Amino acid sequence: MIILWILIPVLTTINQSLIKITAIKLTKTQFGLLWLKQALLLPYTYGIITCEILGLIIWMKILSNNSISKAFPISSISYIFITLASWFVFNEPIKFLQITGMAFILSGVYLISMADSR
């Protein structure tokens, strides 16, 4: 079951990275039907759709065995993964406030996960 918990932020990070790559590829195309056609021709779009479908299936499995009040906050680890991916893949800077925010997210996830054990 732990693998499912890890897959959610991983799939979300891959998905957001593919969306960013697709957006970059389409920057010179004016938004409209041609933009949509070109987006559908890019292989990244099919990766996005695949990540969404897999994420939905995994999320439903997680929710079938856990309360949403516990599961959803833990999924916020995706914010940390995405921030790190933006730095690693797209060379976007990470600022001190982002690092502070990530620490708060981890603290919150820890507190929420401990609430069930008490």
PDB file of N, CA and C in Angstrom:
ATOM      1  N   MET A   1       0.820  -1.204   0.000  1.00  0.00           N
ATOM      2  CA  MET A   1       0.000   0.000   0.000  1.00  0.00           C
ATOM      3  C   MET A   1       0.862   1.266   0.000  1.00  0.00           C
ATOM      4  N   ILE A   2       2.045   1.193   0.623  1.00  0.00           N
ATOM      5  CA  ILE A   2       2.907   2.373   0.682  1.00  0.00           C
ATOM      6  C   ILE A   2       3.318   2.829  -0.709  1.00  0.00           C
ATOM      7  N   ILE A   3       3.461   1.877  -1.636  1.00  0.00           N
ATOM      8  CA  ILE A   3       3.837   2.232  -3.003  1.00  0.00           C
ATOM      9  C   ILE A   3       2.774   3.111  -3.656  1.00  0.00           C
ATOM     10  N   LEU A   4       1.516   2.867  -3.331  1.00  0.00           N
ATOM     11  CA  LEU A   4       0.440   3.699  -3.875  1.00  0.00           C
ATOM     12  C   LEU A   4       0.549   5.131  -3.365  1.00  0.00           C
ATOM     13  N   TRP A   5       0.907   5.276  -2.080  1.00  0.00           N
ATOM     14  CA  TRP A   5       1.059   6.611  -1.494  1.00  0.00           C
ATOM     15  C   TRP A   5       2.206   7.370  -2.168  1.00  0.00           C
ATOM     16  N   ILE A   6       3.247   6.646  -2.537  1.00  0.00           N
ATOM     17  CA  ILE A   6       4.394   7.278  -3.198  1.00  0.00           C
ATOM     18  C   ILE A   6       4.059   7.619  -4.648  1.00  0.00           C
ATOM     19  N   LEU A   7       3.272   6.766  -5.294  1.00  0.00           N
ATOM     20  CA  LEU A   7       2.952   6.980  -6.703  1.00  0.00           C
ATOM     21  C   LEU A   7       2.138   8.252  -6.947  1.00  0.00           C
ATOM     22  N   ILE A   8       1.291   8.629  -6.010  1.00  0.00           N
ATOM     23  CA  ILE A   8       0.462   9.828  -6.212  1.00  0.00           C
ATOM     24  C   ILE A   8       1.327  11.076  -6.421  1.00  0.00           C
ATOM     25  N   PRO A   9       2.238  11.419  -5.501  1.00  0.00           N
ATOM     26  CA  PRO A   9       3.052  12.619  -5.768  1.00  0.00           C
ATOM     27  C   PRO A   9       4.003  12.448  -6.954  1.00  0.00           C
ATOM     28  N   VAL A  10       4.465  11.223  -7.195  1.00  0.00           N
ATOM     29  CA  VAL A  10       5.348  10.995  -8.350  1.00  0.00           C
ATOM     30  C   VAL A  10       4.581  11.231  -9.650  1.00  0.00           C
ATOM     31  N   LEU A  11       3.390  10.649  -9.765  1.00  0.00           N
ATOM     32  CA  LEU A  11       2.577  10.851 -10.976  1.00  0.00           C
ATOM     33  C   LEU A  11       2.180  12.314 -11.140  1.00  0.00           C
ATOM     34  N   THR A  12       1.834  12.964 -10.050  1.00  0.00           N
ATOM     35  CA  THR A  12       1.467  14.378 -10.110  1.00  0.00           C
ATOM     36  C   THR A  12       2.646  15.216 -10.596  1.00  0.00           C
ATOM     37  N   THR A  13       3.842  14.900 -10.122  1.00  0.00           N
ATOM     38  CA  THR A  13       5.038  15.632 -10.533  1.00  0.00           C
ATOM     39  C   THR A  13       5.346  15.401 -12.008  1.00  0.00           C
ATOM     40  N   ILE A  14       5.259  14.154 -12.441  1.00  0.00           N
ATOM     41  CA  ILE A  14       5.478  13.849 -13.863  1.00  0.00           C
ATOM     42  C   ILE A  14       4.444  14.578 -14.706  1.00  0.00           C
ATOM     43  N   ASN A  15       3.200  14.518 -14.274  1.00  0.00           N
ATOM     44  CA  ASN A  15       2.107  15.163 -14.996  1.00  0.00           C
ATOM     45  C   ASN A  15       2.355  16.665 -15.136  1.00  0.00           C
ATOM     46  N   GLN A  16       2.682  17.331 -14.031  1.00  0.00           N
ATOM     47  CA  GLN A  16       2.911  18.775 -14.079  1.00  0.00           C
ATOM     48  C   GLN A  16       4.123  19.121 -14.939  1.00  0.00           C
ATOM     49  N   SER A  17       5.140  18.278 -14.906  1.00  0.00           N
ATOM     50  CA  SER A  17       6.323  18.507 -15.746  1.00  0.00           C
ATOM     51  C   SER A  17       5.968  18.362 -17.221  1.00  0.00           C
ATOM     52  N   LEU A  18       5.164  17.366 -17.555  1.00  0.00           N
ATOM     53  CA  LEU A  18       4.725  17.199 -18.943  1.00  0.00           C
ATOM     54  C   LEU A  18       3.844  18.357 -19.399  1.00  0.00           C
ATOM     55  N   ILE A  19       3.012  18.853 -18.506  1.00  0.00           N
ATOM     56  CA  ILE A  19       2.183  20.015 -18.839  1.00  0.00           C
ATOM     57  C   ILE A  19       3.065  21.231 -19.113  1.00  0.00           C
ATOM     58  N   LYS A  20       4.079  21.429 -18.299  1.00  0.00           N
ATOM     59  CA  LYS A  20       5.010  22.549 -18.489  1.00  0.00           C
ATOM     60  C   LYS A  20       5.742  22.416 -19.830  1.00  0.00           C
ATOM     61  N   ILE A  21       6.242  21.214 -20.137  1.00  0.00           N
ATOM     62  CA  ILE A  21       6.931  20.992 -21.411  1.00  0.00           C
ATOM     63  C   ILE A  21       5.991  21.267 -22.587  1.00  0.00           C
ATOM     64  N   THR A  22       4.762  20.782 -22.488  1.00  0.00           N
ATOM     65  CA  THR A  22       3.773  21.011 -23.541  1.00  0.00           C
ATOM     66  C   THR A  22       3.492  22.499 -23.702  1.00  0.00           C
ATOM     67  N   ALA A  23       3.345  23.201 -22.598  1.00  0.00           N
ATOM     68  CA  ALA A  23       3.094  24.643 -22.651  1.00  0.00           C
ATOM     69  C   ALA A  23       4.255  25.374 -23.320  1.00  0.00           C
ATOM     70  N   ILE A  24       5.469  24.971 -23.007  1.00  0.00           N
ATOM     71  CA  ILE A  24       6.648  25.587 -23.631  1.00  0.00           C
ATOM     72  C   ILE A  24       6.630  25.351 -25.142  1.00  0.00           C
ATOM     73  N   LYS A  25       6.305  24.130 -25.550  1.00  0.00           N
ATOM     74  CA  LYS A  25       6.263  23.792 -26.977  1.00  0.00           C
ATOM     75  C   LYS A  25       5.202  24.598 -27.721  1.00  0.00           C
ATOM     76  N   LEU A  26       4.163  25.020 -27.016  1.00  0.00           N
ATOM     77  CA  LEU A  26       3.045  25.714 -27.661  1.00  0.00           C
ATOM     78  C   LEU A  26       3.088  27.237 -27.492  1.00  0.00           C
ATOM     79  N   THR A  27       4.163  27.783 -26.938  1.00  0.00           N
ATOM     80  CA  THR A  27       4.195  29.220 -26.651  1.00  0.00           C
ATOM     81  C   THR A  27       4.060  30.096 -27.895  1.00  0.00           C
ATOM     82  N   LYS A  28       4.491  29.604 -29.038  1.00  0.00           N
ATOM     83  CA  LYS A  28       4.437  30.415 -30.258  1.00  0.00           C
ATOM     84  C   LYS A  28       3.128  30.250 -31.020  1.00  0.00           C
ATOM     85  N   THR A  29       2.254  29.399 -30.526  1.00  0.00           N
ATOM     86  CA  THR A  29       0.968  29.165 -31.173  1.00  0.00           C
ATOM     87  C   THR A  29      -0.117  29.909 -30.412  1.00  0.00           C
ATOM     88  N   GLN A  30      -0.895  30.691 -31.146  1.00  0.00           N
ATOM     89  CA  GLN A  30      -1.988  31.429 -30.511  1.00  0.00           C
ATOM     90  C   GLN A  30      -3.049  30.439 -30.020  1.00  0.00           C
ATOM     91  N   PHE A  31      -3.580  30.704 -28.841  1.00  0.00           N
ATOM     92  CA  PHE A  31      -4.574  29.820 -28.241  1.00  0.00           C
ATOM     93  C   PHE A  31      -5.824  29.790 -29.108  1.00  0.00           C
ATOM     94  N   GLY A  32      -6.274  28.599 -29.410  1.00  0.00           N
ATOM     95  CA  GLY A  32      -7.458  28.404 -30.250  1.00  0.00           C
ATOM     96  C   GLY A  32      -7.467  26.978 -30.769  1.00  0.00           C
ATOM     97  N   LEU A  33      -8.181  26.747 -31.862  1.00  0.00           N
ATOM     98  CA  LEU A  33      -8.287  25.392 -32.409  1.00  0.00           C
ATOM     99  C   LEU A  33      -6.945  24.864 -32.918  1.00  0.00           C
ATOM    100  N   LEU A  34      -6.138  25.719 -33.539  1.00  0.00           N
ATOM    101  CA  LEU A  34      -4.823  25.277 -34.006  1.00  0.00           C
ATOM    102  C   LEU A  34      -3.951  24.873 -32.825  1.00  0.00           C
ATOM    103  N   TRP A  35      -4.032  25.640 -31.744  1.00  0.00           N
ATOM    104  CA  TRP A  35      -3.284  25.329 -30.521  1.00  0.00           C
ATOM    105  C   TRP A  35      -3.689  23.951 -30.007  1.00  0.00           C
ATOM    106  N   LEU A  36      -4.993  23.716 -29.951  1.00  0.00           N
ATOM    107  CA  LEU A  36      -5.509  22.431 -29.473  1.00  0.00           C
ATOM    108  C   LEU A  36      -5.042  21.289 -30.373  1.00  0.00           C
ATOM    109  N   LYS A  37      -5.109  21.494 -31.684  1.00  0.00           N
ATOM    110  CA  LYS A  37      -4.664  20.469 -32.628  1.00  0.00           C
ATOM    111  C   LYS A  37      -3.183  20.159 -32.423  1.00  0.00           C
ATOM    112  N   GLN A  38      -2.379  21.194 -32.288  1.00  0.00           N
ATOM    113  CA  GLN A  38      -0.946  20.975 -32.076  1.00  0.00           C
ATOM    114  C   GLN A  38      -0.675  20.297 -30.734  1.00  0.00           C
ATOM    115  N   ALA A  39      -1.439  20.668 -29.720  1.00  0.00           N
ATOM    116  CA  ALA A  39      -1.279  20.023 -28.408  1.00  0.00           C
ATOM    117  C   ALA A  39      -1.584  18.533 -28.505  1.00  0.00           C
ATOM    118  N   LEU A  40      -2.617  18.191 -29.254  1.00  0.00           N
ATOM    119  CA  LEU A  40      -2.996  16.778 -29.389  1.00  0.00           C
ATOM    120  C   LEU A  40      -1.994  15.977 -30.213  1.00  0.00           C
ATOM    121  N   LEU A  41      -1.187  16.656 -30.999  1.00  0.00           N
ATOM    122  CA  LEU A  41      -0.169  15.976 -31.800  1.00  0.00           C
ATOM    123  C   LEU A  41       1.127  15.738 -31.024  1.00  0.00           C
ATOM    124  N   LEU A  42       1.277  16.410 -29.896  1.00  0.00           N
ATOM    125  CA  LEU A  42       2.486  16.250 -29.094  1.00  0.00           C
ATOM    126  C   LEU A  42       2.396  14.977 -28.242  1.00  0.00           C
ATOM    127  N   PRO A  43       3.463  14.205 -28.178  1.00  0.00           N
ATOM    128  CA  PRO A  43       3.424  12.974 -27.368  1.00  0.00           C
ATOM    129  C   PRO A  43       3.261  13.257 -25.878  1.00  0.00           C
ATOM    130  N   TYR A  44       3.686  14.429 -25.435  1.00  0.00           N
ATOM    131  CA  TYR A  44       3.564  14.784 -24.014  1.00  0.00           C
ATOM    132  C   TYR A  44       2.105  14.787 -23.572  1.00  0.00           C
ATOM    133  N   THR A  45       1.216  15.174 -24.475  1.00  0.00           N
ATOM    134  CA  THR A  45      -0.209  15.227 -24.148  1.00  0.00           C
ATOM    135  C   THR A  45      -0.721  13.844 -23.744  1.00  0.00           C
ATOM    136  N   TYR A  46      -0.242  12.809 -24.404  1.00  0.00           N
ATOM    137  CA  TYR A  46      -0.688  11.458 -24.075  1.00  0.00           C
ATOM    138  C   TYR A  46      -0.085  10.993 -22.755  1.00  0.00           C
ATOM    139  N   GLY A  47       1.096  11.490 -22.435  1.00  0.00           N
ATOM    140  CA  GLY A  47       1.668  11.234 -21.114  1.00  0.00           C
ATOM    141  C   GLY A  47       0.837  11.883 -20.022  1.00  0.00           C
ATOM    142  N   ILE A  48       0.368  13.106 -20.308  1.00  0.00           N
ATOM    143  CA  ILE A  48      -0.487  13.828 -19.353  1.00  0.00           C
ATOM    144  C   ILE A  48      -1.769  13.041 -19.093  1.00  0.00           C
ATOM    145  N   ILE A  49      -2.406  12.600 -20.163  1.00  0.00           N
ATOM    146  CA  ILE A  49      -3.656  11.848 -20.037  1.00  0.00           C
ATOM    147  C   ILE A  49      -3.416  10.540 -19.281  1.00  0.00           C
ATOM    148  N   THR A  50      -2.316   9.866 -19.591  1.00  0.00           N
ATOM    149  CA  THR A  50      -1.987   8.607 -18.905  1.00  0.00           C
ATOM    150  C   THR A  50      -1.780   8.837 -17.415  1.00  0.00           C
ATOM    151  N   CYS A  51      -1.035   9.892 -17.068  1.00  0.00           N
ATOM    152  CA  CYS A  51      -0.811  10.202 -15.646  1.00  0.00           C
ATOM    153  C   CYS A  51      -2.123  10.493 -14.933  1.00  0.00           C
ATOM    154  N   GLU A  52      -3.017  11.226 -15.599  1.00  0.00           N
ATOM    155  CA  GLU A  52      -4.315  11.542 -14.993  1.00  0.00           C
ATOM    156  C   GLU A  52      -5.129  10.277 -14.725  1.00  0.00           C
ATOM    157  N   ILE A  53      -5.169   9.382 -15.702  1.00  0.00           N
ATOM    158  CA  ILE A  53      -5.947   8.143 -15.549  1.00  0.00           C
ATOM    159  C   ILE A  53      -5.350   7.259 -14.459  1.00  0.00           C
ATOM    160  N   LEU A  54      -4.030   7.059 -14.502  1.00  0.00           N
ATOM    161  CA  LEU A  54      -3.383   6.246 -13.471  1.00  0.00           C
ATOM    162  C   LEU A  54      -3.559   6.861 -12.085  1.00  0.00           C
ATOM    163  N   GLY A  55      -3.424   8.185 -12.014  1.00  0.00           N
ATOM    164  CA  GLY A  55      -3.608   8.879 -10.738  1.00  0.00           C
ATOM    165  C   GLY A  55      -5.013   8.683 -10.190  1.00  0.00           C
ATOM    166  N   LEU A  56      -6.011   8.751 -11.057  1.00  0.00           N
ATOM    167  CA  LEU A  56      -7.395   8.543 -10.634  1.00  0.00           C
ATOM    168  C   LEU A  56      -7.596   7.131 -10.083  1.00  0.00           C
ATOM    169  N   ILE A  57      -7.074   6.151 -10.792  1.00  0.00           N
ATOM    170  CA  ILE A  57      -7.218   4.755 -10.353  1.00  0.00           C
ATOM    171  C   ILE A  57      -6.540   4.537  -8.996  1.00  0.00           C
ATOM    172  N   ILE A  58      -5.319   5.018  -8.877  1.00  0.00           N
ATOM    173  CA  ILE A  58      -4.580   4.844  -7.621  1.00  0.00           C
ATOM    174  C   ILE A  58      -5.259   5.603  -6.490  1.00  0.00           C
ATOM    175  N   TRP A  59      -5.711   6.819  -6.768  1.00  0.00           N
ATOM    176  CA  TRP A  59      -6.376   7.631  -5.745  1.00  0.00           C
ATOM    177  C   TRP A  59      -7.641   6.952  -5.247  1.00  0.00           C
ATOM    178  N   MET A  60      -8.410   6.362  -6.164  1.00  0.00           N
ATOM    179  CA  MET A  60      -9.624   5.650  -5.746  1.00  0.00           C
ATOM    180  C   MET A  60      -9.280   4.456  -4.862  1.00  0.00           C
ATOM    181  N   LYS A  61      -8.196   3.759  -5.175  1.00  0.00           N
ATOM    182  CA  LYS A  61      -7.765   2.624  -4.354  1.00  0.00           C
ATOM    183  C   LYS A  61      -7.346   3.098  -2.963  1.00  0.00           C
ATOM    184  N   ILE A  62      -6.602   4.199  -2.914  1.00  0.00           N
ATOM    185  CA  ILE A  62      -6.190   4.751  -1.615  1.00  0.00           C
ATOM    186  C   ILE A  62      -7.411   5.143  -0.794  1.00  0.00           C
ATOM    187  N   LEU A  63      -8.359   5.827  -1.430  1.00  0.00           N
ATOM    188  CA  LEU A  63      -9.547   6.280  -0.696  1.00  0.00           C
ATOM    189  C   LEU A  63     -10.458   5.128  -0.271  1.00  0.00           C
ATOM    190  N   SER A  64     -10.363   3.998  -0.968  1.00  0.00           N
ATOM    191  CA  SER A  64     -11.202   2.863  -0.568  1.00  0.00           C
ATOM    192  C   SER A  64     -10.748   2.274   0.766  1.00  0.00           C
ATOM    193  N   ASN A  65      -9.513   2.564   1.172  1.00  0.00           N
ATOM    194  CA  ASN A  65      -8.978   2.006   2.417  1.00  0.00           C
ATOM    195  C   ASN A  65      -8.623   3.054   3.463  1.00  0.00           C
ATOM    196  N   ASN A  66      -8.824   4.336   3.159  1.00  0.00           N
ATOM    197  CA  ASN A  66      -8.415   5.407   4.066  1.00  0.00           C
ATOM    198  C   ASN A  66      -9.455   6.520   4.082  1.00  0.00           C
ATOM    199  N   SER A  67      -9.451   7.272   5.154  1.00  0.00           N
ATOM    200  CA  SER A  67     -10.346   8.425   5.209  1.00  0.00           C
ATOM    201  C   SER A  67      -9.772   9.534   4.336  1.00  0.00           C
ATOM    202  N   ILE A  68     -10.647  10.290   3.719  1.00  0.00           N
ATOM    203  CA  ILE A  68     -10.190  11.384   2.859  1.00  0.00           C
ATOM    204  C   ILE A  68      -9.511  12.472   3.689  1.00  0.00           C
ATOM    205  N   SER A  69      -9.918  12.606   4.953  1.00  0.00           N
ATOM    206  CA  SER A  69      -9.297  13.622   5.811  1.00  0.00           C
ATOM    207  C   SER A  69      -7.832  13.320   6.095  1.00  0.00           C
ATOM    208  N   LYS A  70      -7.438  12.056   6.002  1.00  0.00           N
ATOM    209  CA  LYS A  70      -6.031  11.677   6.154  1.00  0.00           C
ATOM    210  C   LYS A  70      -5.326  11.650   4.796  1.00  0.00           C
ATOM    211  N   ALA A  71      -5.994  11.094   3.805  1.00  0.00           N
ATOM    212  CA  ALA A  71      -5.363  10.883   2.502  1.00  0.00           C
ATOM    213  C   ALA A  71      -5.058  12.186   1.780  1.00  0.00           C
ATOM    214  N   PHE A  72      -5.995  13.104   1.753  1.00  0.00           N
ATOM    215  CA  PHE A  72      -5.795  14.311   0.958  1.00  0.00           C
ATOM    216  C   PHE A  72      -4.639  15.168   1.454  1.00  0.00           C
ATOM    217  N   PRO A  73      -4.557  15.449   2.750  1.00  0.00           N
ATOM    218  CA  PRO A  73      -3.411  16.246   3.200  1.00  0.00           C
ATOM    219  C   PRO A  73      -2.056  15.596   2.900  1.00  0.00           C
ATOM    220  N   ILE A  74      -1.978  14.282   2.975  1.00  0.00           N
ATOM    221  CA  ILE A  74      -0.720  13.602   2.686  1.00  0.00           C
ATOM    222  C   ILE A  74      -0.353  13.774   1.210  1.00  0.00           C
ATOM    223  N   SER A  75      -1.352  13.921   0.361  1.00  0.00           N
ATOM    224  CA  SER A  75      -1.065  14.129  -1.063  1.00  0.00           C
ATOM    225  C   SER A  75      -0.401  15.486  -1.322  1.00  0.00           C
ATOM    226  N   SER A  76      -0.394  16.358  -0.331  1.00  0.00           N
ATOM    227  CA  SER A  76       0.244  17.673  -0.506  1.00  0.00           C
ATOM    228  C   SER A  76       1.760  17.572  -0.636  1.00  0.00           C
ATOM    229  N   ILE A  77       2.309  16.398  -0.399  1.00  0.00           N
ATOM    230  CA  ILE A  77       3.738  16.190  -0.633  1.00  0.00           C
ATOM    231  C   ILE A  77       4.057  16.452  -2.110  1.00  0.00           C
ATOM    232  N   SER A  78       3.045  16.368  -2.963  1.00  0.00           N
ATOM    233  CA  SER A  78       3.232  16.683  -4.382  1.00  0.00           C
ATOM    234  C   SER A  78       3.807  18.084  -4.568  1.00  0.00           C
ATOM    235  N   TYR A  79       3.413  19.030  -3.722  1.00  0.00           N
ATOM    236  CA  TYR A  79       3.935  20.396  -3.842  1.00  0.00           C
ATOM    237  C   TYR A  79       5.452  20.413  -3.696  1.00  0.00           C
ATOM    238  N   ILE A  80       5.956  19.593  -2.808  1.00  0.00           N
ATOM    239  CA  ILE A  80       7.408  19.524  -2.587  1.00  0.00           C
ATOM    240  C   ILE A  80       8.085  18.882  -3.793  1.00  0.00           C
ATOM    241  N   PHE A  81       7.535  17.767  -4.255  1.00  0.00           N
ATOM    242  CA  PHE A  81       8.113  17.089  -5.417  1.00  0.00           C
ATOM    243  C   PHE A  81       8.126  18.002  -6.636  1.00  0.00           C
ATOM    244  N   ILE A  82       7.032  18.731  -6.855  1.00  0.00           N
ATOM    245  CA  ILE A  82       6.934  19.608  -8.026  1.00  0.00           C
ATOM    246  C   ILE A  82       7.931  20.756  -7.924  1.00  0.00           C
ATOM    247  N   THR A  83       8.083  21.323  -6.741  1.00  0.00           N
ATOM    248  CA  THR A  83       9.062  22.397  -6.557  1.00  0.00           C
ATOM    249  C   THR A  83      10.470  21.891  -6.850  1.00  0.00           C
ATOM    250  N   LEU A  84      10.797  20.710  -6.350  1.00  0.00           N
ATOM    251  CA  LEU A  84      12.118  20.135  -6.607  1.00  0.00           C
ATOM    252  C   LEU A  84      12.304  19.806  -8.083  1.00  0.00           C
ATOM    253  N   ALA A  85      11.267  19.302  -8.735  1.00  0.00           N
ATOM    254  CA  ALA A  85      11.346  19.010 -10.169  1.00  0.00           C
ATOM    255  C   ALA A  85      11.511  20.284 -10.981  1.00  0.00           C
ATOM    256  N   SER A  86      10.845  21.366 -10.566  1.00  0.00           N
ATOM    257  CA  SER A  86      10.986  22.625 -11.301  1.00  0.00           C
ATOM    258  C   SER A  86      12.420  23.132 -11.234  1.00  0.00           C
ATOM    259  N   TRP A  87      13.074  22.883 -10.124  1.00  0.00           N
ATOM    260  CA  TRP A  87      14.480  23.273  -9.975  1.00  0.00           C
ATOM    261  C   TRP A  87      15.374  22.355 -10.800  1.00  0.00           C
ATOM    262  N   PHE A  88      15.131  21.038 -10.693  1.00  0.00           N
ATOM    263  CA  PHE A  88      16.000  20.063 -11.331  1.00  0.00           C
ATOM    264  C   PHE A  88      15.806  20.010 -12.852  1.00  0.00           C
ATOM    265  N   VAL A  89      14.557  20.004 -13.309  1.00  0.00           N
ATOM    266  CA  VAL A  89      14.264  19.823 -14.731  1.00  0.00           C
ATOM    267  C   VAL A  89      14.273  21.143 -15.502  1.00  0.00           C
ATOM    268  N   PHE A  90      13.693  22.188 -14.900  1.00  0.00           N
ATOM    269  CA  PHE A  90      13.513  23.448 -15.620  1.00  0.00           C
ATOM    270  C   PHE A  90      14.454  24.566 -15.152  1.00  0.00           C
ATOM    271  N   ASN A  91      15.364  24.230 -14.242  1.00  0.00           N
ATOM    272  CA  ASN A  91      16.333  25.207 -13.711  1.00  0.00           C
ATOM    273  C   ASN A  91      15.675  26.440 -13.107  1.00  0.00           C
ATOM    274  N   GLU A  92      14.502  26.249 -12.517  1.00  0.00           N
ATOM    275  CA  GLU A  92      13.828  27.354 -11.837  1.00  0.00           C
ATOM    276  C   GLU A  92      14.416  27.490 -10.434  1.00  0.00           C
ATOM    277  N   PRO A  93      14.637  28.704  -9.987  1.00  0.00           N
ATOM    278  CA  PRO A  93      15.222  28.873  -8.652  1.00  0.00           C
ATOM    279  C   PRO A  93      14.226  28.491  -7.555  1.00  0.00           C
ATOM    280  N   ILE A  94      14.766  28.005  -6.459  1.00  0.00           N
ATOM    281  CA  ILE A  94      13.959  27.754  -5.259  1.00  0.00           C
ATOM    282  C   ILE A  94      14.369  28.810  -4.239  1.00  0.00           C
ATOM    283  N   LYS A  95      13.396  29.547  -3.775  1.00  0.00           N
ATOM    284  CA  LYS A  95      13.664  30.638  -2.833  1.00  0.00           C
ATOM    285  C   LYS A  95      13.482  30.160  -1.394  1.00  0.00           C
ATOM    286  N   PHE A  96      14.034  30.935  -0.486  1.00  0.00           N
ATOM    287  CA  PHE A  96      13.988  30.586   0.932  1.00  0.00           C
ATOM    288  C   PHE A  96      12.553  30.378   1.422  1.00  0.00           C
ATOM    289  N   LEU A  97      11.624  31.241   0.997  1.00  0.00           N
ATOM    290  CA  LEU A  97      10.237  31.090   1.438  1.00  0.00           C
ATOM    291  C   LEU A  97       9.627  29.779   0.930  1.00  0.00           C
ATOM    292  N   GLN A  98      10.042  29.332  -0.247  1.00  0.00           N
ATOM    293  CA  GLN A  98       9.554  28.042  -0.745  1.00  0.00           C
ATOM    294  C   GLN A  98      10.079  26.897   0.122  1.00  0.00           C
ATOM    295  N   ILE A  99      11.337  26.982   0.496  1.00  0.00           N
ATOM    296  CA  ILE A  99      11.920  25.960   1.371  1.00  0.00           C
ATOM    297  C   ILE A  99      11.201  25.955   2.719  1.00  0.00           C
ATOM    298  N   THR A 100      10.934  27.138   3.236  1.00  0.00           N
ATOM    299  CA  THR A 100      10.189  27.258   4.496  1.00  0.00           C
ATOM    300  C   THR A 100       8.801  26.644   4.357  1.00  0.00           C
ATOM    301  N   GLY A 101       8.141  26.950   3.247  1.00  0.00           N
ATOM    302  CA  GLY A 101       6.815  26.381   2.997  1.00  0.00           C
ATOM    303  C   GLY A 101       6.840  24.868   2.910  1.00  0.00           C
ATOM    304  N   MET A 102       7.881  24.333   2.255  1.00  0.00           N
ATOM    305  CA  MET A 102       8.003  22.876   2.160  1.00  0.00           C
ATOM    306  C   MET A 102       8.193  22.257   3.544  1.00  0.00           C
ATOM    307  N   ALA A 103       8.940  22.931   4.409  1.00  0.00           N
ATOM    308  CA  ALA A 103       9.125  22.434   5.781  1.00  0.00           C
ATOM    309  C   ALA A 103       7.791  22.418   6.530  1.00  0.00           C
ATOM    310  N   PHE A 104       6.985  23.471   6.333  1.00  0.00           N
ATOM    311  CA  PHE A 104       5.667  23.510   6.971  1.00  0.00           C
ATOM    312  C   PHE A 104       4.762  22.399   6.431  1.00  0.00           C
ATOM    313  N   ILE A 105       4.830  22.152   5.120  1.00  0.00           N
ATOM    314  CA  ILE A 105       4.025  21.079   4.533  1.00  0.00           C
ATOM    315  C   ILE A 105       4.410  19.739   5.150  1.00  0.00           C
ATOM    316  N   LEU A 106       5.709  19.468   5.225  1.00  0.00           N
ATOM    317  CA  LEU A 106       6.154  18.200   5.829  1.00  0.00           C
ATOM    318  C   LEU A 106       5.723  18.096   7.283  1.00  0.00           C
ATOM    319  N   SER A 107       5.814  19.211   8.013  1.00  0.00           N
ATOM    320  CA  SER A 107       5.370  19.210   9.416  1.00  0.00           C
ATOM    321  C   SER A 107       3.882  18.914   9.512  1.00  0.00           C
ATOM    322  N   GLY A 108       3.108  19.536   8.648  1.00  0.00           N
ATOM    323  CA  GLY A 108       1.659  19.310   8.644  1.00  0.00           C
ATOM    324  C   GLY A 108       1.296  17.885   8.294  1.00  0.00           C
ATOM    325  N   VAL A 109       1.971  17.330   7.292  1.00  0.00           N
ATOM    326  CA  VAL A 109       1.723  15.947   6.907  1.00  0.00           C
ATOM    327  C   VAL A 109       2.047  15.011   8.069  1.00  0.00           C
ATOM    328  N   TYR A 110       3.156  15.279   8.743  1.00  0.00           N
ATOM    329  CA  TYR A 110       3.529  14.455   9.899  1.00  0.00           C
ATOM    330  C   TYR A 110       2.461  14.545  10.995  1.00  0.00           C
ATOM    331  N   LEU A 111       2.015  15.748  11.320  1.00  0.00           N
ATOM    332  CA  LEU A 111       1.002  15.910  12.367  1.00  0.00           C
ATOM    333  C   LEU A 111      -0.305  15.218  11.995  1.00  0.00           C
ATOM    334  N   ILE A 112      -0.718  15.338  10.744  1.00  0.00           N
ATOM    335  CA  ILE A 112      -1.954  14.694  10.316  1.00  0.00           C
ATOM    336  C   ILE A 112      -1.824  13.172  10.381  1.00  0.00           C
ATOM    337  N   SER A 113      -0.669  12.647   9.969  1.00  0.00           N
ATOM    338  CA  SER A 113      -0.488  11.204  10.005  1.00  0.00           C
ATOM    339  C   SER A 113      -0.452  10.683  11.435  1.00  0.00           C
ATOM    340  N   MET A 114       0.023  11.485  12.374  1.00  0.00           N
ATOM    341  CA  MET A 114       0.091  11.077  13.790  1.00  0.00           C
ATOM    342  C   MET A 114      -1.277  11.153  14.461  1.00  0.00           C
ATOM    343  N   ALA A 115      -2.196  11.938  13.906  1.00  0.00           N
ATOM    344  CA  ALA A 115      -3.511  12.093  14.528  1.00  0.00           C
ATOM    345  C   ALA A 115      -4.246  10.756  14.601  1.00  0.00           C
ATOM    346  N   ASP A 116      -4.088   9.894  13.621  1.00  0.00           N
ATOM    347  CA  ASP A 116      -4.765   8.597  13.633  1.00  0.00           C
ATOM    348  C   ASP A 116      -4.161   7.619  14.623  1.00  0.00           C
ATOM    349  N   SER A 117      -2.901   7.857  14.979  1.00  0.00           N
ATOM    350  CA  SER A 117      -2.243   6.906  15.894  1.00  0.00           C
ATOM    351  C   SER A 117      -2.510   7.232  17.359  1.00  0.00           C
ATOM    352  N   ARG A 118      -3.212   8.300  17.629  1.00  0.00           N
ATOM    353  CA  ARG A 118      -3.500   8.675  19.011  1.00  0.00           C
ATOM    354  C   ARG A 118      -4.926   8.382  19.379  1.00  0.00           C
TER     355      ARG A 118
END
